[in-house]
C-alpha atoms as a PDB file:
ATOM      1  CA  UNK A   1     166.759  39.973 -79.953  1.00  0.00           C
ATOM      2  CA  UNK A   2     166.210  37.326 -77.303  1.00  0.00           C
ATOM      3  CA  UNK A   3     166.381  33.669 -76.450  1.00  0.00           C
ATOM      4  CA  UNK A   4     164.170  31.071 -74.795  1.00  0.00           C
ATOM      5  CA  UNK A   5     165.262  29.522 -71.507  1.00  0.00           C
ATOM      6  CA  UNK A   6     164.907  25.818 -70.683  1.00  0.00           C
ATOM      7  CA  UNK A   7     161.725  26.676 -68.809  1.00  0.00           C
ATOM      8  CA  UNK A   8     160.249  28.137 -71.978  1.00  0.00           C
ATOM      9  CA  UNK A   9     159.983  31.781 -70.890  1.00  0.00           C
ATOM     10  CA  UNK A  10     161.471  34.519 -73.037  1.00  0.00           C
ATOM     11  CA  UNK A  11     164.667  36.109 -71.676  1.00  0.00           C
ATOM     12  CA  UNK A  12     166.026  39.240 -73.350  1.00  0.00           C
ATOM     13  CA  UNK A  13     169.526  38.725 -74.677  1.00  0.00           C
ATOM     14  CA  UNK A  14     172.121  40.640 -72.706  1.00  0.00           C
ATOM     15  CA  UNK A  15     173.463  43.129 -75.222  1.00  0.00           C
ATOM     16  CA  UNK A  16     174.954  46.514 -74.591  1.00  0.00           C
ATOM     17  CA  UNK A  17     176.529  49.021 -76.933  1.00  0.00           C
ATOM     18  CA  UNK A  18     179.412  51.138 -75.726  1.00  0.00           C
ATOM     19  CA  UNK A  19     180.157  54.164 -77.838  1.00  0.00           C
ATOM     20  CA  UNK A  20     182.446  55.179 -79.388  1.00  0.00           C
ATOM     21  CA  UNK A  21     183.683  51.961 -80.925  1.00  0.00           C
ATOM     22  CA  UNK A  22     185.583  53.724 -83.686  1.00  0.00           C
ATOM     23  CA  UNK A  23     188.349  56.249 -83.139  1.00  0.00           C
ATOM     24  CA  UNK A  24     189.981  58.578 -85.657  1.00  0.00           C
ATOM     25  CA  UNK A  25     193.749  58.944 -85.830  1.00  0.00           C
ATOM     26  CA  UNK A  26     194.354  62.655 -86.387  1.00  0.00           C
ATOM     27  CA  UNK A  27     197.506  64.431 -87.581  1.00  0.00           C
ATOM     28  CA  UNK A  28     197.678  68.067 -88.551  1.00  0.00           C
ATOM     29  CA  UNK A  29     193.976  68.455 -87.879  1.00  0.00           C
ATOM     30  CA  UNK A  30     193.038  65.757 -90.431  1.00  0.00           C
ATOM     31  CA  UNK A  31     191.919  62.172 -90.025  1.00  0.00           C
ATOM     32  CA  UNK A  32     194.742  59.964 -91.308  1.00  0.00           C
ATOM     33  CA  UNK A  33     193.650  56.617 -89.911  1.00  0.00           C
ATOM     34  CA  UNK A  34     191.316  54.774 -87.625  1.00  0.00           C
ATOM     35  CA  UNK A  35     191.014  52.179 -84.880  1.00  0.00           C
ATOM     36  CA  UNK A  36     187.777  50.293 -84.414  1.00  0.00           C
ATOM     37  CA  UNK A  37     186.246  47.478 -82.403  1.00  0.00           C
ATOM     38  CA  UNK A  38     183.613  44.842 -83.069  1.00  0.00           C
ATOM     39  CA  UNK A  39     182.046  43.539 -79.873  1.00  0.00           C
ATOM     40  CA  UNK A  40     181.516  39.849 -79.315  1.00  0.00           C
ATOM     41  CA  UNK A  41     178.030  38.508 -78.614  1.00  0.00           C
ATOM     42  CA  UNK A  42     176.482  35.813 -76.422  1.00  0.00           C
ATOM     43  CA  UNK A  43     179.254  33.663 -74.884  1.00  0.00           C
ATOM     44  CA  UNK A  44     181.883  35.964 -76.439  1.00  0.00           C
ATOM     45  CA  UNK A  45     180.289  39.173 -75.117  1.00  0.00           C
ATOM     46  CA  UNK A  46     183.299  40.065 -72.950  1.00  0.00           C
ATOM     47  CA  UNK A  47     185.609  40.070 -75.956  1.00  0.00           C
ATOM     48  CA  UNK A  48     186.130  42.390 -78.902  1.00  0.00           C
ATOM     49  CA  UNK A  49     188.052  42.384 -82.169  1.00  0.00           C
ATOM     50  CA  UNK A  50     190.227  45.380 -82.992  1.00  0.00           C
ATOM     51  CA  UNK A  51     191.079  46.600 -86.467  1.00  0.00           C
ATOM     52  CA  UNK A  52     193.120  49.572 -87.649  1.00  0.00           C
ATOM     53  CA  UNK A  53     194.413  51.408 -90.698  1.00  0.00           C
ATOM     54  CA  UNK A  54     196.741  54.326 -91.333  1.00  0.00           C
ATOM     55  CA  UNK A  55     197.493  56.494 -94.361  1.00  0.00           C
ATOM     56  CA  UNK A  56     200.703  55.389 -96.076  1.00  0.00           C
ATOM     57  CA  UNK A  57     202.217  58.875 -95.661  1.00  0.00           C
ATOM     58  CA  UNK A  58     201.996  58.560 -91.847  1.00  0.00           C
ATOM     59  CA  UNK A  59     203.449  55.090 -91.408  1.00  0.00           C
ATOM     60  CA  UNK A  60     206.696  54.314 -89.624  1.00  0.00           C
ATOM     61  CA  UNK A  61     206.336  57.010 -86.957  1.00  0.00           C
ATOM     62  CA  UNK A  62     204.718  55.036 -84.128  1.00  0.00           C
ATOM     63  CA  UNK A  63     201.375  56.784 -84.608  1.00  0.00           C
ATOM     64  CA  UNK A  64     199.358  53.584 -84.981  1.00  0.00           C
ATOM     65  CA  UNK A  65     200.993  51.868 -82.014  1.00  0.00           C
ATOM     66  CA  UNK A  66     200.102  54.880 -79.845  1.00  0.00           C
ATOM     67  CA  UNK A  67     196.555  54.965 -81.229  1.00  0.00           C
ATOM     68  CA  UNK A  68     196.008  51.238 -80.619  1.00  0.00           C
ATOM     69  CA  UNK A  69     197.321  51.573 -77.052  1.00  0.00           C
ATOM     70  CA  UNK A  70     194.979  54.510 -76.345  1.00  0.00           C
ATOM     71  CA  UNK A  71     191.949  52.803 -77.881  1.00  0.00           C
ATOM     72  CA  UNK A  72     192.592  49.575 -75.948  1.00  0.00           C
ATOM     73  CA  UNK A  73     193.063  51.537 -72.727  1.00  0.00           C
ATOM     74  CA  UNK A  74     189.707  53.252 -73.338  1.00  0.00           C
ATOM     75  CA  UNK A  75     187.930  49.932 -74.033  1.00  0.00           C
ATOM     76  CA  UNK A  76     189.249  48.291 -70.878  1.00  0.00           C
ATOM     77  CA  UNK A  77     188.424  51.347 -68.730  1.00  0.00           C
ATOM     78  CA  UNK A  78     184.923  52.030 -70.089  1.00  0.00           C
ATOM     79  CA  UNK A  79     183.416  48.660 -70.977  1.00  0.00           C
ATOM     80  CA  UNK A  80     183.200  45.178 -69.441  1.00  0.00           C
ATOM     81  CA  UNK A  81     185.505  43.864 -72.198  1.00  0.00           C
ATOM     82  CA  UNK A  82     188.318  41.697 -70.768  1.00  0.00           C
ATOM     83  CA  UNK A  83     189.862  40.311 -73.987  1.00  0.00           C
ATOM     84  CA  UNK A  84     190.708  42.006 -77.269  1.00  0.00           C
ATOM     85  CA  UNK A  85     191.927  40.044 -80.253  1.00  0.00           C
ATOM     86  CA  UNK A  86     193.326  41.013 -83.633  1.00  0.00           C
ATOM     87  CA  UNK A  87     194.270  39.366 -86.893  1.00  0.00           C
ATOM     88  CA  UNK A  88     196.805  40.438 -89.502  1.00  0.00           C
ATOM     89  CA  UNK A  89     197.804  38.953 -92.837  1.00  0.00           C
ATOM     90  CA  UNK A  90     200.954  36.850 -92.524  1.00  0.00           C
ATOM     91  CA  UNK A  91     202.341  39.087 -95.278  1.00  0.00           C
ATOM     92  CA  UNK A  92     201.739  42.275 -93.209  1.00  0.00           C
ATOM     93  CA  UNK A  93     204.645  42.534 -90.735  1.00  0.00           C
ATOM     94  CA  UNK A  94     203.915  46.220 -90.059  1.00  0.00           C
ATOM     95  CA  UNK A  95     200.513  45.416 -88.511  1.00  0.00           C
ATOM     96  CA  UNK A  96     202.082  42.554 -86.584  1.00  0.00           C
ATOM     97  CA  UNK A  97     204.709  44.966 -85.182  1.00  0.00           C
ATOM     98  CA  UNK A  98     201.977  47.402 -84.113  1.00  0.00           C
ATOM     99  CA  UNK A  99     200.255  44.625 -82.188  1.00  0.00           C
ATOM    100  CA  UNK A 100     203.525  43.432 -80.613  1.00  0.00           C
ATOM    101  CA  UNK A 101     204.500  46.964 -79.546  1.00  0.00           C
ATOM    102  CA  UNK A 102     200.996  47.608 -78.189  1.00  0.00           C
ATOM    103  CA  UNK A 103     201.359  44.624 -75.848  1.00  0.00           C
ATOM    104  CA  UNK A 104     199.389  41.972 -77.722  1.00  0.00           C
ATOM    105  CA  UNK A 105     200.535  38.350 -77.547  1.00  0.00           C
ATOM    106  CA  UNK A 106     200.849  36.213 -80.687  1.00  0.00           C
ATOM    107  CA  UNK A 107     198.604  33.171 -80.253  1.00  0.00           C
ATOM    108  CA  UNK A 108     198.899  31.400 -83.589  1.00  0.00           C
ATOM    109  CA  UNK A 109     198.534  31.267 -87.323  1.00  0.00           C
ATOM    110  CA  UNK A 110     195.194  30.432 -88.903  1.00  0.00           C
ATOM    111  CA  UNK A 111     195.514  28.931 -92.360  1.00  0.00           C
ATOM    112  CA  UNK A 112     193.310  30.291 -95.146  1.00  0.00           C
ATOM    113  CA  UNK A 113     191.928  32.845 -92.676  1.00  0.00           C
ATOM    114  CA  UNK A 114     191.331  35.640 -95.197  1.00  0.00           C
ATOM    115  CA  UNK A 115     190.518  36.084 -98.846  1.00  0.00           C
ATOM    116  CA  UNK A 116     192.736  38.731-100.392  1.00  0.00           C
ATOM    117  CA  UNK A 117     192.957  39.502-104.107  1.00  0.00           C
ATOM    118  CA  UNK A 118     190.958  36.376-104.917  1.00  0.00           C
ATOM    119  CA  UNK A 119     193.197  33.974-102.979  1.00  0.00           C
ATOM    120  CA  UNK A 120     193.117  32.521 -99.486  1.00  0.00           C
ATOM    121  CA  UNK A 121     195.860  33.843 -97.207  1.00  0.00           C
ATOM    122  CA  UNK A 122     197.017  32.912 -93.727  1.00  0.00           C
ATOM    123  CA  UNK A 123     196.468  35.161 -90.728  1.00  0.00           C
ATOM    124  CA  UNK A 124     198.435  35.818 -87.557  1.00  0.00           C
ATOM    125  CA  UNK A 125     196.213  36.059 -84.477  1.00  0.00           C
ATOM    126  CA  UNK A 126     196.963  38.131 -81.382  1.00  0.00           C
ATOM    127  CA  UNK A 127     195.233  38.759 -78.049  1.00  0.00           C
ATOM    128  CA  UNK A 128     195.458  41.118 -75.120  1.00  0.00           C
ATOM    129  CA  UNK A 129     193.831  40.449 -71.757  1.00  0.00           C
ATOM    130  CA  UNK A 130     192.773  43.165 -69.320  1.00  0.00           C
END
C-alpha cells in the first residue's frame, strides 16, 4: 500500500507489524482468555486499540487486570506505540474496572457506539499514554 506525495512521486506507506499482537491468558495450563491489539494506521500509527475477554469461571480474581497490564507494558516496551485506547459497553462495569485498575483514564462516553443484540448501545472510552 502506498500514497502519492504532492510532487507526484510514489512514497511507500509507513507500516510496520509488531508481533505478537494477541496474548493468551493461561490458567492451569489452558487458555482461559485473551488480550489483543489493533494498530492504528497513517496519522494514528502511534496508537493502538486494546480488547480483552476472559472465561466466566475465571472472573473476579484480578487475572484480566494483570494480563492487560502485562500486555500494555509489552506494547510500550517493544513498539513505537505511545497511546492505547479501549472501549467498553456502558452496561459492562467489570471491563471498565479492569481498565481503571490497569491505569487507563476515562475520557468520555460515545453514544450509539456499538450494536449489541440488534440495538445501539453507548460505550465508555479509555486511554493510556506511554
